[in-house]
Amino acid sequence: MNYPHPIIAREGWPFLGAAIAAALLVAWFAGGWWSAPVWLAGLFVLQFFRDPPRSIPGDANTVVSPADGRVVAVESSRDPYLLRDALKVSVFMNVFNVHSNRSPVDGEVRQTWYQPGAFLNAALDKASLENERNALWLRTATGADVTCVQIAGLIARRILCYVKAGDRLARGERFGFIRFGSRVDVYLPVSARVKAALGDKVHGGSSILAIL
């Protein structure tokens, strides 16, 4: 959901606070050099939970990337949620990417699904159907259906989603977060014109994946 951007995602504040407190305690009781590894851990937490504001391109027919990362799949597929033929674009996030998730389109949340599962490497295609995941069915003003699926990864152990059926999302609006390495699949109508290519590096909210 919308909130003032402090550069650090709200999900990271407890982790960052704990890292700083731990580093200060080690420095106080053991000296500055002993606290260096803890400060390095704090820097990792800082970069992982960064959440910069983004400029959102396009119009109501534009599909933007729901996450930062690398495109690992662009293919014809079967949407397992809406049971239709679809075009699937998948974005893999490593631990150095921004992990905020953003709506790929302007639309209404028609339904959500949560499915517990495994924690396979999210770069593998079978992670789409076997890993823990949370899916959103979004319908645009023109009636196009888009399914956006948050998928946990090898290290990820927490999917956060802040929307429910009936909520409306603007293109590029923040709706969730996945902690520590993961993937997002987007299922599009077969009539969509995909602009992203396999291997592309994309940024959540600001990179165009397709045109509806």
N, C-alpha and C. Protein backbone atom coordinates (compact mmCIF):
# COMPACT_ATOMS: atom_id res chain seq x y z
N MET A 1 0.85 -1.18 0.00
CA MET A 1 0.00 0.00 0.00
C MET A 1 0.89 1.24 0.00
N ASN A 2 0.28 2.40 -0.28
CA ASN A 2 1.06 3.63 -0.31
C ASN A 2 1.50 4.03 1.10
N TYR A 3 2.72 4.52 1.22
CA TYR A 3 3.20 5.08 2.46
C TYR A 3 4.42 5.93 2.13
N PRO A 4 4.75 6.91 2.98
CA PRO A 4 5.90 7.76 2.66
C PRO A 4 7.18 6.93 2.52
N HIS A 5 7.94 7.19 1.49
CA HIS A 5 9.15 6.40 1.25
C HIS A 5 10.30 6.91 2.12
N PRO A 6 10.74 6.11 3.08
CA PRO A 6 11.88 6.50 3.91
C PRO A 6 13.19 5.93 3.38
N ILE A 7 13.18 5.41 2.13
CA ILE A 7 14.30 4.71 1.49
C ILE A 7 14.42 3.29 2.03
N ILE A 8 14.18 3.09 3.32
CA ILE A 8 14.19 1.75 3.89
C ILE A 8 12.75 1.26 4.06
N ALA A 9 12.45 0.07 3.54
CA ALA A 9 11.11 -0.49 3.66
C ALA A 9 10.74 -0.69 5.13
N ARG A 10 9.49 -0.49 5.44
CA ARG A 10 9.05 -0.62 6.84
C ARG A 10 9.30 -2.02 7.38
N GLU A 11 9.28 -3.04 6.49
CA GLU A 11 9.54 -4.40 6.93
C GLU A 11 10.96 -4.57 7.48
N GLY A 12 11.87 -3.67 7.10
CA GLY A 12 13.26 -3.80 7.51
C GLY A 12 13.62 -3.08 8.78
N TRP A 13 12.74 -2.20 9.26
CA TRP A 13 13.09 -1.40 10.44
C TRP A 13 13.46 -2.26 11.65
N PRO A 14 12.69 -3.30 12.00
CA PRO A 14 13.09 -4.12 13.17
C PRO A 14 14.45 -4.79 12.97
N PHE A 15 14.71 -5.30 11.76
CA PHE A 15 15.99 -5.97 11.48
C PHE A 15 17.15 -4.99 11.57
N LEU A 16 16.95 -3.79 10.99
CA LEU A 16 18.01 -2.79 11.02
C LEU A 16 18.27 -2.32 12.45
N GLY A 17 17.18 -2.10 13.21
CA GLY A 17 17.34 -1.68 14.60
C GLY A 17 18.07 -2.73 15.43
N ALA A 18 17.76 -4.01 15.20
CA ALA A 18 18.42 -5.08 15.94
C ALA A 18 19.90 -5.16 15.58
N ALA A 19 20.22 -4.97 14.28
CA ALA A 19 21.62 -5.04 13.85
C ALA A 19 22.44 -3.91 14.46
N ILE A 20 21.87 -2.70 14.47
CA ILE A 20 22.59 -1.56 15.04
C ILE A 20 22.78 -1.75 16.54
N ALA A 21 21.73 -2.21 17.23
CA ALA A 21 21.83 -2.42 18.67
C ALA A 21 22.88 -3.47 18.99
N ALA A 22 22.91 -4.55 18.19
CA ALA A 22 23.89 -5.61 18.43
C ALA A 22 25.31 -5.09 18.20
N ALA A 23 25.50 -4.30 17.14
CA ALA A 23 26.83 -3.76 16.85
C ALA A 23 27.30 -2.83 17.97
N LEU A 24 26.40 -2.00 18.48
CA LEU A 24 26.77 -1.08 19.56
C LEU A 24 27.11 -1.84 20.84
N LEU A 25 26.36 -2.90 21.13
CA LEU A 25 26.64 -3.69 22.32
C LEU A 25 28.00 -4.39 22.23
N VAL A 26 28.30 -4.95 21.06
CA VAL A 26 29.59 -5.62 20.87
C VAL A 26 30.72 -4.60 20.99
N ALA A 27 30.53 -3.42 20.37
CA ALA A 27 31.55 -2.38 20.44
C ALA A 27 31.77 -1.93 21.89
N TRP A 28 30.70 -1.84 22.66
CA TRP A 28 30.80 -1.38 24.05
C TRP A 28 31.53 -2.39 24.93
N PHE A 29 31.19 -3.68 24.75
CA PHE A 29 31.75 -4.69 25.64
C PHE A 29 33.05 -5.31 25.14
N ALA A 30 33.26 -5.33 23.81
CA ALA A 30 34.43 -6.04 23.28
C ALA A 30 35.36 -5.15 22.47
N GLY A 31 34.92 -3.95 22.11
CA GLY A 31 35.77 -3.06 21.32
C GLY A 31 35.32 -2.97 19.88
N GLY A 32 35.75 -1.89 19.24
CA GLY A 32 35.30 -1.58 17.89
C GLY A 32 35.61 -2.63 16.85
N TRP A 33 36.83 -3.21 16.90
CA TRP A 33 37.19 -4.18 15.88
C TRP A 33 36.30 -5.42 15.93
N TRP A 34 35.93 -5.86 17.12
CA TRP A 34 35.08 -7.03 17.24
C TRP A 34 33.67 -6.77 16.70
N SER A 35 33.28 -5.52 16.69
CA SER A 35 31.93 -5.20 16.20
C SER A 35 31.86 -5.07 14.69
N ALA A 36 33.02 -5.09 14.01
CA ALA A 36 33.04 -4.88 12.55
C ALA A 36 32.16 -5.87 11.79
N PRO A 37 32.22 -7.19 12.10
CA PRO A 37 31.35 -8.13 11.37
C PRO A 37 29.86 -7.83 11.57
N VAL A 38 29.52 -7.34 12.77
CA VAL A 38 28.11 -7.04 13.03
C VAL A 38 27.68 -5.81 12.24
N TRP A 39 28.58 -4.82 12.12
CA TRP A 39 28.27 -3.65 11.30
C TRP A 39 28.11 -4.05 9.83
N LEU A 40 28.93 -5.00 9.37
CA LEU A 40 28.80 -5.49 7.99
C LEU A 40 27.45 -6.17 7.79
N ALA A 41 27.02 -6.93 8.79
CA ALA A 41 25.70 -7.54 8.71
C ALA A 41 24.61 -6.48 8.65
N GLY A 42 24.80 -5.40 9.40
CA GLY A 42 23.86 -4.29 9.37
C GLY A 42 23.80 -3.62 8.01
N LEU A 43 24.96 -3.52 7.34
CA LEU A 43 24.99 -2.94 5.99
C LEU A 43 24.23 -3.82 5.00
N PHE A 44 24.35 -5.15 5.16
CA PHE A 44 23.59 -6.06 4.31
C PHE A 44 22.09 -5.86 4.52
N VAL A 45 21.67 -5.75 5.78
CA VAL A 45 20.26 -5.52 6.08
C VAL A 45 19.80 -4.21 5.45
N LEU A 46 20.65 -3.18 5.53
CA LEU A 46 20.32 -1.87 4.98
C LEU A 46 20.07 -1.96 3.48
N GLN A 47 20.98 -2.64 2.76
CA GLN A 47 20.82 -2.71 1.30
C GLN A 47 19.65 -3.62 0.92
N PHE A 48 19.41 -4.69 1.69
CA PHE A 48 18.34 -5.60 1.34
C PHE A 48 16.97 -4.93 1.46
N PHE A 49 16.79 -4.12 2.49
CA PHE A 49 15.48 -3.52 2.74
C PHE A 49 15.34 -2.12 2.15
N ARG A 50 16.25 -1.71 1.29
CA ARG A 50 16.08 -0.40 0.66
C ARG A 50 14.83 -0.43 -0.21
N ASP A 51 14.16 0.70 -0.30
CA ASP A 51 12.88 0.75 -1.02
C ASP A 51 12.75 2.12 -1.68
N PRO A 52 13.51 2.37 -2.75
CA PRO A 52 13.50 3.70 -3.37
C PRO A 52 12.19 3.97 -4.10
N PRO A 53 11.75 5.22 -4.14
CA PRO A 53 10.56 5.58 -4.94
C PRO A 53 10.86 5.38 -6.42
N ARG A 54 9.85 5.12 -7.21
CA ARG A 54 10.02 4.86 -8.63
C ARG A 54 9.10 5.74 -9.47
N SER A 55 9.57 6.08 -10.65
CA SER A 55 8.76 6.79 -11.64
C SER A 55 8.02 5.74 -12.47
N ILE A 56 6.70 5.83 -12.54
CA ILE A 56 5.87 4.80 -13.18
C ILE A 56 5.57 5.21 -14.62
N PRO A 57 6.00 4.41 -15.62
CA PRO A 57 5.79 4.78 -17.02
C PRO A 57 4.46 4.28 -17.58
N GLY A 58 4.14 4.73 -18.80
CA GLY A 58 3.04 4.16 -19.57
C GLY A 58 1.67 4.65 -19.18
N ASP A 59 0.66 3.88 -19.63
CA ASP A 59 -0.74 4.23 -19.38
C ASP A 59 -1.48 3.00 -18.86
N ALA A 60 -2.81 3.05 -18.92
CA ALA A 60 -3.61 1.98 -18.33
C ALA A 60 -3.42 0.63 -19.01
N ASN A 61 -2.85 0.60 -20.21
CA ASN A 61 -2.61 -0.66 -20.91
C ASN A 61 -1.20 -1.20 -20.69
N THR A 62 -0.42 -0.50 -19.88
CA THR A 62 0.97 -0.89 -19.65
C THR A 62 1.08 -1.86 -18.49
N VAL A 63 1.90 -2.89 -18.67
CA VAL A 63 2.21 -3.83 -17.59
C VAL A 63 3.64 -3.58 -17.16
N VAL A 64 3.83 -3.20 -15.90
CA VAL A 64 5.17 -2.93 -15.40
C VAL A 64 5.66 -4.11 -14.57
N SER A 65 6.96 -4.16 -14.38
CA SER A 65 7.52 -5.25 -13.59
C SER A 65 7.05 -5.15 -12.14
N PRO A 66 6.63 -6.26 -11.54
CA PRO A 66 6.21 -6.24 -10.14
C PRO A 66 7.38 -6.30 -9.16
N ALA A 67 8.61 -6.46 -9.70
CA ALA A 67 9.76 -6.63 -8.81
C ALA A 67 11.04 -6.26 -9.53
N ASP A 68 12.08 -5.99 -8.75
CA ASP A 68 13.43 -5.83 -9.30
C ASP A 68 14.02 -7.22 -9.52
N GLY A 69 14.87 -7.34 -10.53
CA GLY A 69 15.54 -8.62 -10.73
C GLY A 69 15.85 -8.91 -12.18
N ARG A 70 15.88 -10.19 -12.50
CA ARG A 70 16.24 -10.65 -13.85
C ARG A 70 15.09 -11.49 -14.40
N VAL A 71 14.74 -11.25 -15.66
CA VAL A 71 13.68 -12.03 -16.31
C VAL A 71 14.21 -13.43 -16.60
N VAL A 72 13.57 -14.44 -16.00
CA VAL A 72 14.04 -15.82 -16.16
C VAL A 72 13.08 -16.67 -16.99
N ALA A 73 11.93 -16.12 -17.36
CA ALA A 73 11.00 -16.85 -18.21
C ALA A 73 10.12 -15.88 -18.98
N VAL A 74 9.98 -16.12 -20.28
CA VAL A 74 9.02 -15.44 -21.13
C VAL A 74 8.47 -16.54 -22.04
N GLU A 75 7.24 -16.99 -21.76
CA GLU A 75 6.78 -18.19 -22.45
C GLU A 75 5.26 -18.31 -22.43
N SER A 76 4.76 -19.10 -23.37
CA SER A 76 3.36 -19.49 -23.33
C SER A 76 3.20 -20.47 -22.18
N SER A 77 2.09 -20.35 -21.45
CA SER A 77 1.92 -21.17 -20.27
C SER A 77 0.44 -21.37 -19.98
N ARG A 78 0.16 -22.06 -18.91
CA ARG A 78 -1.20 -22.25 -18.42
C ARG A 78 -1.30 -21.56 -17.08
N ASP A 79 -2.21 -20.60 -16.99
CA ASP A 79 -2.43 -19.90 -15.72
C ASP A 79 -3.11 -20.87 -14.77
N PRO A 80 -2.43 -21.30 -13.68
CA PRO A 80 -3.02 -22.30 -12.79
C PRO A 80 -4.11 -21.74 -11.88
N TYR A 81 -4.29 -20.43 -11.88
CA TYR A 81 -5.28 -19.82 -11.01
C TYR A 81 -6.57 -19.49 -11.75
N LEU A 82 -6.46 -18.95 -12.96
CA LEU A 82 -7.64 -18.62 -13.75
C LEU A 82 -7.93 -19.70 -14.80
N LEU A 83 -7.09 -20.75 -14.83
CA LEU A 83 -7.31 -21.91 -15.69
C LEU A 83 -7.52 -21.47 -17.14
N ARG A 84 -6.55 -20.78 -17.67
CA ARG A 84 -6.61 -20.26 -19.03
C ARG A 84 -5.22 -20.35 -19.66
N ASP A 85 -5.17 -20.31 -20.98
CA ASP A 85 -3.91 -20.15 -21.66
C ASP A 85 -3.42 -18.73 -21.42
N ALA A 86 -2.12 -18.56 -21.25
CA ALA A 86 -1.59 -17.25 -20.90
C ALA A 86 -0.14 -17.11 -21.36
N LEU A 87 0.36 -15.89 -21.31
CA LEU A 87 1.78 -15.61 -21.47
C LEU A 87 2.34 -15.37 -20.08
N LYS A 88 3.43 -16.07 -19.76
CA LYS A 88 4.03 -15.91 -18.43
C LYS A 88 5.37 -15.20 -18.53
N VAL A 89 5.53 -14.18 -17.68
CA VAL A 89 6.82 -13.50 -17.53
C VAL A 89 7.22 -13.64 -16.07
N SER A 90 8.42 -14.17 -15.83
CA SER A 90 8.88 -14.41 -14.46
C SER A 90 10.12 -13.57 -14.16
N VAL A 91 10.14 -12.97 -12.98
CA VAL A 91 11.26 -12.15 -12.53
C VAL A 91 11.85 -12.77 -11.27
N PHE A 92 13.15 -13.08 -11.33
CA PHE A 92 13.84 -13.67 -10.18
C PHE A 92 14.60 -12.57 -9.43
N MET A 93 14.41 -12.54 -8.11
CA MET A 93 15.09 -11.57 -7.24
C MET A 93 16.17 -12.27 -6.44
N ASN A 94 17.41 -11.81 -6.54
CA ASN A 94 18.44 -12.34 -5.64
C ASN A 94 18.51 -11.47 -4.39
N VAL A 95 19.38 -11.82 -3.46
CA VAL A 95 19.40 -11.12 -2.17
C VAL A 95 19.88 -9.67 -2.28
N PHE A 96 20.40 -9.28 -3.44
CA PHE A 96 20.88 -7.91 -3.60
C PHE A 96 19.88 -7.01 -4.31
N ASN A 97 18.73 -7.57 -4.71
CA ASN A 97 17.69 -6.77 -5.35
C ASN A 97 16.75 -6.15 -4.32
N VAL A 98 16.06 -5.09 -4.72
CA VAL A 98 14.97 -4.53 -3.91
C VAL A 98 13.84 -5.56 -3.89
N HIS A 99 13.27 -5.83 -2.73
CA HIS A 99 12.28 -6.90 -2.59
C HIS A 99 10.85 -6.42 -2.37
N SER A 100 10.60 -5.12 -2.52
CA SER A 100 9.22 -4.64 -2.52
C SER A 100 8.53 -5.15 -3.78
N ASN A 101 7.28 -5.54 -3.66
CA ASN A 101 6.49 -5.99 -4.81
C ASN A 101 5.45 -4.94 -5.15
N ARG A 102 5.30 -4.68 -6.46
CA ARG A 102 4.42 -3.62 -6.94
C ARG A 102 3.41 -4.17 -7.94
N SER A 103 2.25 -3.55 -7.98
CA SER A 103 1.21 -4.01 -8.90
C SER A 103 1.66 -3.83 -10.34
N PRO A 104 1.51 -4.86 -11.19
CA PRO A 104 1.91 -4.70 -12.58
C PRO A 104 0.96 -3.87 -13.42
N VAL A 105 -0.29 -3.71 -12.95
CA VAL A 105 -1.30 -2.98 -13.73
C VAL A 105 -2.19 -2.13 -12.81
N ASP A 106 -2.93 -1.22 -13.44
CA ASP A 106 -4.03 -0.55 -12.75
C ASP A 106 -5.20 -1.54 -12.73
N GLY A 107 -5.72 -1.86 -11.56
CA GLY A 107 -6.83 -2.81 -11.56
C GLY A 107 -7.38 -3.10 -10.19
N GLU A 108 -8.46 -3.86 -10.19
CA GLU A 108 -9.12 -4.29 -8.95
C GLU A 108 -8.66 -5.70 -8.60
N VAL A 109 -8.40 -5.92 -7.33
CA VAL A 109 -8.07 -7.27 -6.85
C VAL A 109 -9.37 -8.06 -6.78
N ARG A 110 -9.51 -9.06 -7.65
CA ARG A 110 -10.73 -9.85 -7.68
C ARG A 110 -10.67 -11.04 -6.71
N GLN A 111 -9.47 -11.58 -6.52
CA GLN A 111 -9.32 -12.73 -5.62
C GLN A 111 -7.85 -12.90 -5.28
N THR A 112 -7.59 -13.50 -4.12
CA THR A 112 -6.22 -13.83 -3.73
C THR A 112 -6.18 -15.32 -3.34
N TRP A 113 -5.01 -15.92 -3.52
CA TRP A 113 -4.81 -17.32 -3.13
C TRP A 113 -3.47 -17.42 -2.41
N TYR A 114 -3.47 -18.11 -1.29
CA TYR A 114 -2.20 -18.42 -0.61
C TYR A 114 -2.02 -19.94 -0.62
N GLN A 115 -0.82 -20.39 -0.99
CA GLN A 115 -0.54 -21.82 -1.07
C GLN A 115 0.77 -22.13 -0.37
N PRO A 116 0.75 -22.87 0.76
CA PRO A 116 2.01 -23.30 1.37
C PRO A 116 2.73 -24.27 0.46
N GLY A 117 4.03 -24.38 0.62
CA GLY A 117 4.77 -25.28 -0.24
C GLY A 117 6.23 -25.37 0.13
N ALA A 118 7.04 -25.79 -0.85
CA ALA A 118 8.47 -26.00 -0.63
C ALA A 118 9.24 -24.68 -0.75
N PHE A 119 10.56 -24.77 -0.60
CA PHE A 119 11.43 -23.60 -0.72
C PHE A 119 12.58 -23.94 -1.67
N LEU A 120 12.23 -24.31 -2.91
CA LEU A 120 13.23 -24.60 -3.93
C LEU A 120 13.87 -23.31 -4.40
N ASN A 121 14.99 -23.41 -5.09
CA ASN A 121 15.61 -22.24 -5.72
C ASN A 121 14.58 -21.58 -6.62
N ALA A 122 14.26 -20.31 -6.38
CA ALA A 122 13.20 -19.63 -7.11
C ALA A 122 13.55 -19.40 -8.57
N ALA A 123 14.81 -19.56 -8.96
CA ALA A 123 15.19 -19.41 -10.37
C ALA A 123 14.72 -20.60 -11.19
N LEU A 124 14.39 -21.73 -10.54
CA LEU A 124 13.93 -22.92 -11.24
C LEU A 124 12.47 -22.78 -11.62
N ASP A 125 12.11 -23.24 -12.83
CA ASP A 125 10.75 -23.07 -13.30
C ASP A 125 9.75 -23.82 -12.43
N LYS A 126 10.14 -24.99 -11.88
CA LYS A 126 9.20 -25.76 -11.07
C LYS A 126 8.83 -25.06 -9.76
N ALA A 127 9.58 -24.02 -9.40
CA ALA A 127 9.23 -23.26 -8.20
C ALA A 127 7.86 -22.60 -8.33
N SER A 128 7.43 -22.31 -9.57
CA SER A 128 6.13 -21.67 -9.80
C SER A 128 4.98 -22.50 -9.25
N LEU A 129 5.14 -23.84 -9.25
CA LEU A 129 4.05 -24.72 -8.84
C LEU A 129 4.32 -25.46 -7.55
N GLU A 130 5.57 -25.46 -7.07
CA GLU A 130 5.90 -26.26 -5.89
C GLU A 130 6.23 -25.42 -4.64
N ASN A 131 6.67 -24.17 -4.82
CA ASN A 131 7.07 -23.37 -3.66
C ASN A 131 5.88 -22.69 -3.00
N GLU A 132 6.11 -22.23 -1.77
CA GLU A 132 5.12 -21.38 -1.10
C GLU A 132 4.86 -20.17 -1.97
N ARG A 133 3.59 -19.77 -2.11
CA ARG A 133 3.28 -18.67 -3.01
C ARG A 133 1.97 -17.98 -2.63
N ASN A 134 1.84 -16.76 -3.12
CA ASN A 134 0.63 -15.97 -2.91
C ASN A 134 0.28 -15.30 -4.24
N ALA A 135 -0.94 -15.49 -4.70
CA ALA A 135 -1.35 -14.99 -6.02
C ALA A 135 -2.44 -13.94 -5.90
N LEU A 136 -2.39 -12.95 -6.80
CA LEU A 136 -3.43 -11.93 -6.92
C LEU A 136 -4.03 -12.00 -8.32
N TRP A 137 -5.35 -12.00 -8.39
CA TRP A 137 -6.05 -11.86 -9.67
C TRP A 137 -6.45 -10.40 -9.78
N LEU A 138 -5.90 -9.73 -10.79
CA LEU A 138 -6.17 -8.31 -11.03
C LEU A 138 -6.96 -8.15 -12.33
N ARG A 139 -8.02 -7.35 -12.29
CA ARG A 139 -8.79 -7.06 -13.51
C ARG A 139 -8.70 -5.57 -13.80
N THR A 140 -8.28 -5.23 -15.02
CA THR A 140 -8.13 -3.83 -15.41
C THR A 140 -9.48 -3.24 -15.79
N ALA A 141 -9.49 -1.91 -16.01
CA ALA A 141 -10.73 -1.22 -16.38
C ALA A 141 -11.26 -1.70 -17.73
N THR A 142 -10.39 -2.21 -18.59
CA THR A 142 -10.82 -2.70 -19.91
C THR A 142 -11.20 -4.18 -19.87
N GLY A 143 -11.15 -4.79 -18.70
CA GLY A 143 -11.57 -6.18 -18.57
C GLY A 143 -10.47 -7.21 -18.74
N ALA A 144 -9.21 -6.77 -18.88
CA ALA A 144 -8.09 -7.71 -19.00
C ALA A 144 -7.76 -8.31 -17.64
N ASP A 145 -7.50 -9.60 -17.62
CA ASP A 145 -7.15 -10.30 -16.39
C ASP A 145 -5.65 -10.55 -16.33
N VAL A 146 -5.05 -10.18 -15.21
CA VAL A 146 -3.62 -10.38 -14.98
C VAL A 146 -3.46 -11.07 -13.63
N THR A 147 -2.68 -12.13 -13.60
CA THR A 147 -2.40 -12.84 -12.35
C THR A 147 -0.95 -12.58 -11.95
N CYS A 148 -0.76 -12.12 -10.72
CA CYS A 148 0.58 -11.80 -10.21
C CYS A 148 0.85 -12.70 -9.01
N VAL A 149 1.93 -13.49 -9.08
CA VAL A 149 2.19 -14.51 -8.07
C VAL A 149 3.52 -14.26 -7.37
N GLN A 150 3.47 -14.04 -6.06
CA GLN A 150 4.67 -13.95 -5.24
C GLN A 150 5.09 -15.37 -4.86
N ILE A 151 6.37 -15.69 -5.07
CA ILE A 151 6.86 -17.05 -4.83
C ILE A 151 8.07 -17.01 -3.91
N ALA A 152 8.02 -17.77 -2.81
CA ALA A 152 9.15 -17.85 -1.90
C ALA A 152 10.29 -18.60 -2.58
N GLY A 153 11.53 -18.36 -2.12
CA GLY A 153 12.69 -18.99 -2.72
C GLY A 153 13.44 -19.89 -1.76
N LEU A 154 14.68 -20.17 -2.12
CA LEU A 154 15.52 -21.08 -1.33
C LEU A 154 15.77 -20.52 0.07
N ILE A 155 15.96 -19.20 0.15
CA ILE A 155 16.26 -18.55 1.43
C ILE A 155 15.03 -17.85 1.99
N ALA A 156 14.15 -17.40 1.10
CA ALA A 156 12.95 -16.67 1.55
C ALA A 156 12.08 -17.55 2.44
N ARG A 157 11.58 -16.97 3.50
CA ARG A 157 10.70 -17.72 4.40
C ARG A 157 9.46 -16.91 4.78
N ARG A 158 9.25 -15.79 4.11
CA ARG A 158 8.10 -14.97 4.50
C ARG A 158 7.59 -14.17 3.31
N ILE A 159 6.37 -14.45 2.90
CA ILE A 159 5.70 -13.65 1.87
C ILE A 159 4.72 -12.73 2.57
N LEU A 160 4.80 -11.44 2.28
CA LEU A 160 3.90 -10.46 2.86
C LEU A 160 3.05 -9.86 1.76
N CYS A 161 1.74 -9.85 1.95
CA CYS A 161 0.81 -9.25 1.00
C CYS A 161 -0.21 -8.43 1.78
N TYR A 162 -0.42 -7.18 1.37
CA TYR A 162 -1.24 -6.26 2.16
C TYR A 162 -2.58 -5.94 1.52
N VAL A 163 -2.97 -6.67 0.48
CA VAL A 163 -4.24 -6.37 -0.20
C VAL A 163 -5.16 -7.58 -0.15
N LYS A 164 -6.44 -7.32 -0.43
CA LYS A 164 -7.46 -8.37 -0.41
C LYS A 164 -8.45 -8.10 -1.54
N ALA A 165 -9.34 -9.05 -1.77
CA ALA A 165 -10.34 -8.91 -2.81
C ALA A 165 -11.16 -7.64 -2.59
N GLY A 166 -11.35 -6.88 -3.67
CA GLY A 166 -12.09 -5.62 -3.60
C GLY A 166 -11.22 -4.40 -3.55
N ASP A 167 -9.95 -4.56 -3.17
CA ASP A 167 -9.03 -3.42 -3.17
C ASP A 167 -8.66 -3.04 -4.60
N ARG A 168 -8.34 -1.77 -4.80
CA ARG A 168 -7.88 -1.30 -6.10
C ARG A 168 -6.41 -0.91 -5.99
N LEU A 169 -5.65 -1.27 -7.01
CA LEU A 169 -4.22 -0.96 -7.05
C LEU A 169 -3.91 -0.13 -8.29
N ALA A 170 -3.06 0.85 -8.10
CA ALA A 170 -2.54 1.61 -9.24
C ALA A 170 -1.29 0.91 -9.76
N ARG A 171 -1.05 1.05 -11.03
CA ARG A 171 0.16 0.49 -11.65
C ARG A 171 1.40 0.99 -10.91
N GLY A 172 2.24 0.05 -10.44
CA GLY A 172 3.44 0.43 -9.71
C GLY A 172 3.24 0.64 -8.23
N GLU A 173 1.99 0.49 -7.75
CA GLU A 173 1.73 0.68 -6.32
C GLU A 173 2.24 -0.51 -5.53
N ARG A 174 2.85 -0.24 -4.42
CA ARG A 174 3.42 -1.28 -3.57
C ARG A 174 2.31 -2.08 -2.91
N PHE A 175 2.38 -3.44 -2.98
CA PHE A 175 1.36 -4.26 -2.34
C PHE A 175 1.93 -5.34 -1.43
N GLY A 176 3.24 -5.56 -1.45
CA GLY A 176 3.78 -6.62 -0.62
C GLY A 176 5.30 -6.66 -0.63
N PHE A 177 5.83 -7.70 -0.02
CA PHE A 177 7.28 -7.83 0.16
C PHE A 177 7.58 -9.32 0.35
N ILE A 178 8.74 -9.76 -0.16
CA ILE A 178 9.20 -11.13 0.09
C ILE A 178 10.61 -11.04 0.67
N ARG A 179 10.84 -11.75 1.76
CA ARG A 179 12.13 -11.61 2.43
C ARG A 179 13.15 -12.66 1.97
N PHE A 180 14.25 -12.16 1.45
CA PHE A 180 15.53 -12.88 1.25
C PHE A 180 15.63 -13.79 0.03
N GLY A 181 15.22 -13.33 -1.14
CA GLY A 181 15.46 -14.06 -2.38
C GLY A 181 14.23 -14.80 -2.86
N SER A 182 13.71 -14.47 -4.03
CA SER A 182 12.40 -14.98 -4.40
C SER A 182 12.12 -14.73 -5.88
N ARG A 183 10.83 -14.84 -6.25
CA ARG A 183 10.43 -14.75 -7.66
C ARG A 183 9.00 -14.23 -7.73
N VAL A 184 8.69 -13.54 -8.82
CA VAL A 184 7.31 -13.13 -9.09
C VAL A 184 6.96 -13.54 -10.52
N ASP A 185 5.86 -14.27 -10.67
CA ASP A 185 5.34 -14.64 -11.98
C ASP A 185 4.17 -13.73 -12.33
N VAL A 186 4.09 -13.32 -13.60
CA VAL A 186 2.95 -12.55 -14.09
C VAL A 186 2.35 -13.32 -15.27
N TYR A 187 1.06 -13.67 -15.16
CA TYR A 187 0.33 -14.34 -16.24
C TYR A 187 -0.53 -13.31 -16.95
N LEU A 188 -0.33 -13.20 -18.26
CA LEU A 188 -0.98 -12.17 -19.07
C LEU A 188 -1.91 -12.81 -20.10
N PRO A 189 -2.90 -12.05 -20.60
CA PRO A 189 -3.70 -12.58 -21.71
C PRO A 189 -2.80 -12.91 -22.91
N VAL A 190 -3.19 -13.91 -23.70
CA VAL A 190 -2.36 -14.32 -24.84
C VAL A 190 -2.27 -13.21 -25.88
N SER A 191 -3.17 -12.23 -25.83
CA SER A 191 -3.14 -11.12 -26.78
C SER A 191 -2.14 -10.03 -26.40
N ALA A 192 -1.56 -10.12 -25.20
CA ALA A 192 -0.61 -9.10 -24.74
C ALA A 192 0.65 -9.11 -25.61
N ARG A 193 1.25 -7.93 -25.77
CA ARG A 193 2.50 -7.80 -26.52
C ARG A 193 3.64 -7.68 -25.50
N VAL A 194 4.41 -8.74 -25.36
CA VAL A 194 5.48 -8.76 -24.37
C VAL A 194 6.67 -7.94 -24.87
N LYS A 195 7.16 -7.05 -24.02
CA LYS A 195 8.31 -6.21 -24.35
C LYS A 195 9.59 -6.70 -23.68
N ALA A 196 9.46 -7.44 -22.58
CA ALA A 196 10.64 -7.93 -21.87
C ALA A 196 11.20 -9.15 -22.58
N ALA A 197 12.50 -9.37 -22.43
CA ALA A 197 13.16 -10.52 -23.03
C ALA A 197 13.90 -11.30 -21.96
N LEU A 198 14.11 -12.57 -22.23
CA LEU A 198 14.83 -13.43 -21.30
C LEU A 198 16.19 -12.84 -20.97
N GLY A 199 16.50 -12.74 -19.69
CA GLY A 199 17.77 -12.20 -19.25
C GLY A 199 17.77 -10.72 -18.96
N ASP A 200 16.70 -10.02 -19.31
CA ASP A 200 16.64 -8.58 -19.03
C ASP A 200 16.70 -8.31 -17.53
N LYS A 201 17.39 -7.25 -17.15
CA LYS A 201 17.33 -6.76 -15.78
C LYS A 201 16.21 -5.72 -15.71
N VAL A 202 15.32 -5.88 -14.75
CA VAL A 202 14.14 -5.01 -14.65
C VAL A 202 14.05 -4.42 -13.26
N HIS A 203 13.28 -3.33 -13.17
CA HIS A 203 13.08 -2.64 -11.89
C HIS A 203 11.57 -2.54 -11.62
N GLY A 204 11.19 -2.90 -10.41
CA GLY A 204 9.79 -2.90 -10.02
C GLY A 204 9.14 -1.54 -10.19
N GLY A 205 8.03 -1.52 -10.95
CA GLY A 205 7.28 -0.28 -11.13
C GLY A 205 7.76 0.59 -12.26
N SER A 206 9.01 0.44 -12.70
CA SER A 206 9.55 1.36 -13.71
C SER A 206 9.98 0.69 -15.01
N SER A 207 10.02 -0.64 -15.05
CA SER A 207 10.37 -1.35 -16.29
C SER A 207 9.11 -1.91 -16.91
N ILE A 208 8.91 -1.74 -18.20
CA ILE A 208 7.73 -2.22 -18.89
C ILE A 208 7.93 -3.68 -19.31
N LEU A 209 7.00 -4.56 -18.87
CA LEU A 209 7.05 -5.96 -19.26
C LEU A 209 6.23 -6.23 -20.52
N ALA A 210 5.08 -5.55 -20.66
CA ALA A 210 4.17 -5.86 -21.77
C ALA A 210 3.17 -4.72 -21.95
N ILE A 211 2.46 -4.80 -23.08
CA ILE A 211 1.34 -3.91 -23.36
C ILE A 211 0.11 -4.77 -23.57
N LEU A 212 -0.98 -4.46 -22.86
CA LEU A 212 -2.21 -5.24 -22.98
C LEU A 212 -2.97 -4.87 -24.24
